[in-house]
C-alpha atoms as a PDB file:
ATOM      1  CA  MET A   1      94.621  97.501 112.571  1.00  0.00           C
ATOM      2  CA  TYR A   2      91.452  97.237 110.516  1.00  0.00           C
ATOM      3  CA  LYS A   3      91.391  96.280 106.837  1.00  0.00           C
ATOM      4  CA  ASN A   4      89.970  99.572 105.518  1.00  0.00           C
ATOM      5  CA  MET A   5      93.106 101.494 106.454  1.00  0.00           C
ATOM      6  CA  PHE A   6      93.626 104.264 103.923  1.00  0.00           C
ATOM      7  CA  LYS A   7      97.014 105.903 103.531  1.00  0.00           C
ATOM      8  CA  VAL A   8      98.821 108.360 101.291  1.00  0.00           C
ATOM      9  CA  VAL A   9     100.403 106.548  98.358  1.00  0.00           C
ATOM     10  CA  GLU A  10     102.390 107.578  95.296  1.00  0.00           C
ATOM     11  CA  THR A  11     100.394 110.203  93.444  1.00  0.00           C
ATOM     12  CA  THR A  12      98.786 109.353  90.135  1.00  0.00           C
ATOM     13  CA  PRO A  13     100.230 111.588  87.353  1.00  0.00           C
ATOM     14  CA  GLU A  14      96.795 112.502  86.006  1.00  0.00           C
ATOM     15  CA  ILE A  15      93.136 111.604  86.443  1.00  0.00           C
ATOM     16  CA  GLU A  16      89.961 112.183  84.464  1.00  0.00           C
ATOM     17  CA  LEU A  17      87.033 113.856  86.203  1.00  0.00           C
ATOM     18  CA  TYR A  18      83.389 112.956  85.604  1.00  0.00           C
ATOM     19  CA  ASN A  19      83.111 115.833  83.076  1.00  0.00           C
ATOM     20  CA  GLY A  20      86.087 114.704  80.971  1.00  0.00           C
ATOM     21  CA  VAL A  21      88.583 117.222  82.383  1.00  0.00           C
ATOM     22  CA  ILE A  22      92.097 115.840  82.877  1.00  0.00           C
ATOM     23  CA  THR A  23      93.818 117.098  86.020  1.00  0.00           C
ATOM     24  CA  HIS A  24      96.963 116.399  88.045  1.00  0.00           C
ATOM     25  CA  PRO A  25      96.404 115.340  91.681  1.00  0.00           C
ATOM     26  CA  ILE A  26      98.453 116.722  94.548  1.00  0.00           C
ATOM     27  CA  VAL A  27      97.835 113.761  96.895  1.00  0.00           C
ATOM     28  CA  THR A  28      96.482 110.227  96.406  1.00  0.00           C
ATOM     29  CA  ILE A  29      94.934 108.273  99.302  1.00  0.00           C
ATOM     30  CA  ALA A  30      94.174 104.573  98.842  1.00  0.00           C
ATOM     31  CA  SER A  31      93.770 101.261 100.636  1.00  0.00           C
ATOM     32  CA  GLU A  32      95.193  97.930  99.560  1.00  0.00           C
ATOM     33  CA  TYR A  33      91.961  96.235 100.694  1.00  0.00           C
ATOM     34  CA  VAL A  34      89.266  98.523  99.234  1.00  0.00           C
ATOM     35  CA  PRO A  35      89.298  99.738  95.610  1.00  0.00           C
ATOM     36  CA  THR A  36      88.204 103.285  96.552  1.00  0.00           C
ATOM     37  CA  ILE A  37      90.806 105.953  95.771  1.00  0.00           C
ATOM     38  CA  TYR A  38      90.698 109.578  96.862  1.00  0.00           C
ATOM     39  CA  GLN A  39      92.570 112.258  94.930  1.00  0.00           C
ATOM     40  CA  ILE A  40      93.177 115.802  96.161  1.00  0.00           C
ATOM     41  CA  ILE A  41      93.376 118.331  93.347  1.00  0.00           C
ATOM     42  CA  GLU A  42      93.666 122.124  93.175  1.00  0.00           C
ATOM     43  CA  ASP A  43      90.968 124.139  91.426  1.00  0.00           C
ATOM     44  CA  ASP A  44      90.579 127.921  91.537  1.00  0.00           C
ATOM     45  CA  HIS A  45      92.937 128.280  94.552  1.00  0.00           C
ATOM     46  CA  CYS A  46      91.013 125.631  96.546  1.00  0.00           C
ATOM     47  CA  TRP A  47      91.617 122.008  97.468  1.00  0.00           C
ATOM     48  CA  VAL A  48      89.040 119.616  95.991  1.00  0.00           C
ATOM     49  CA  VAL A  49      88.648 115.991  97.082  1.00  0.00           C
ATOM     50  CA  CYS A  50      87.703 113.528  94.342  1.00  0.00           C
ATOM     51  CA  VAL A  51      86.708 109.882  94.714  1.00  0.00           C
ATOM     52  CA  THR A  52      86.577 107.002  92.240  1.00  0.00           C
ATOM     53  CA  ASN A  53      83.321 106.296  90.444  1.00  0.00           C
ATOM     54  CA  PHE A  54      83.243 102.557  89.825  1.00  0.00           C
ATOM     55  CA  LYS A  55      80.584 102.781  87.085  1.00  0.00           C
ATOM     56  CA  THR A  56      82.492 105.223  84.862  1.00  0.00           C
ATOM     57  CA  GLY A  57      86.107 104.721  85.945  1.00  0.00           C
ATOM     58  CA  LYS A  58      86.412 108.492  86.353  1.00  0.00           C
ATOM     59  CA  TYR A  59      86.482 110.685  89.462  1.00  0.00           C
ATOM     60  CA  ASP A  60      83.584 112.530  91.078  1.00  0.00           C
ATOM     61  CA  TYR A  61      83.784 115.282  93.673  1.00  0.00           C
ATOM     62  CA  ALA A  62      83.523 113.712  97.117  1.00  0.00           C
ATOM     63  CA  THR A  63      80.585 114.625  99.322  1.00  0.00           C
ATOM     64  CA  HIS A  64      82.023 112.715 102.291  1.00  0.00           C
ATOM     65  CA  ILE A  65      85.647 112.305 103.301  1.00  0.00           C
ATOM     66  CA  ARG A  66      87.362 109.784 105.482  1.00  0.00           C
ATOM     67  CA  TYR A  67      89.467 110.705 108.492  1.00  0.00           C
ATOM     68  CA  GLU A  68      92.635 109.768 106.593  1.00  0.00           C
ATOM     69  CA  VAL A  69      91.742 112.223 103.819  1.00  0.00           C
ATOM     70  CA  TRP A  70      91.215 114.965 106.419  1.00  0.00           C
ATOM     71  CA  GLU A  71      94.637 114.204 107.890  1.00  0.00           C
ATOM     72  CA  ALA A  72      96.240 114.438 104.429  1.00  0.00           C
ATOM     73  CA  LEU A  73      94.487 117.768 103.778  1.00  0.00           C
ATOM     74  CA  LYS A  74      95.888 119.185 107.019  1.00  0.00           C
ATOM     75  CA  THR A  75      99.449 118.585 105.802  1.00  0.00           C
ATOM     76  CA  LEU A  76      99.004 120.733 102.682  1.00  0.00           C
ATOM     77  CA  ASP A  77      99.950 124.383 102.443  1.00  0.00           C
ATOM     78  CA  ARG A  78      97.286 126.825 101.315  1.00  0.00           C
ATOM     79  CA  PRO A  79      96.701 126.338  97.575  1.00  0.00           C
ATOM     80  CA  ASP A  80      96.711 130.096  96.981  1.00  0.00           C
ATOM     81  CA  ARG A  81     100.079 130.639  98.725  1.00  0.00           C
ATOM     82  CA  VAL A  82     101.626 132.651  95.853  1.00  0.00           C
ATOM     83  CA  ARG A  83      98.536 134.859  95.498  1.00  0.00           C
ATOM     84  CA  TYR A  84      98.360 135.317  99.278  1.00  0.00           C
ATOM     85  CA  GLU A  85     102.017 136.378  99.528  1.00  0.00           C
ATOM     86  CA  ILE A  86     101.602 138.911  96.686  1.00  0.00           C
ATOM     87  CA  LEU A  87      98.536 140.450  98.342  1.00  0.00           C
ATOM     88  CA  LYS A  88     100.288 140.493 101.715  1.00  0.00           C
ATOM     89  CA  LYS A  89     103.303 142.306 100.264  1.00  0.00           C
ATOM     90  CA  GLN A  90     101.070 144.853  98.504  1.00  0.00           C
ATOM     91  CA  ALA A  91      99.231 145.519 101.764  1.00  0.00           C
ATOM     92  CA  GLU A  92     102.317 146.139 103.932  1.00  0.00           C
ATOM     93  CA  GLY A  93     101.661 149.185 106.067  1.00  0.00           C
ATOM     94  CA  ASN A  94      97.890 148.936 105.561  1.00  0.00           C
ATOM     95  CA  ASP A  95      96.391 148.437 109.028  1.00  0.00           C
ATOM     96  CA  HIS A  96      93.021 147.439 107.572  1.00  0.00           C
ATOM     97  CA  TRP A  97      94.247 144.501 105.480  1.00  0.00           C
ATOM     98  CA  GLN A  98      92.839 141.144 106.563  1.00  0.00           C
ATOM     99  CA  PRO A  99      94.791 137.928 105.849  1.00  0.00           C
ATOM    100  CA  TRP A 100      91.650 136.072 104.712  1.00  0.00           C
ATOM    101  CA  CYS A 101      90.918 138.525 101.871  1.00  0.00           C
END
């Protein structure tokens, strides 16, 4: 096992983004060897990956993600599940409805 092993840990109750917004993460991914922490948050029915900014102590949106973050993302249900189910129910019997709408 290598020392950069990231894993899902207990989720932080709230974090502050680079723009001062306080949000509540869904998943936290960290390593005991490296101070980098990834947080997965929900914004506008989408998953957003945030990463620590060591200069400010806040979180920036990640432009790159580690394999372990990708694996954590794959375990999550769609963030718009409630909206999706409502639209699906409304469209019952409509042969032209597409599930990605």
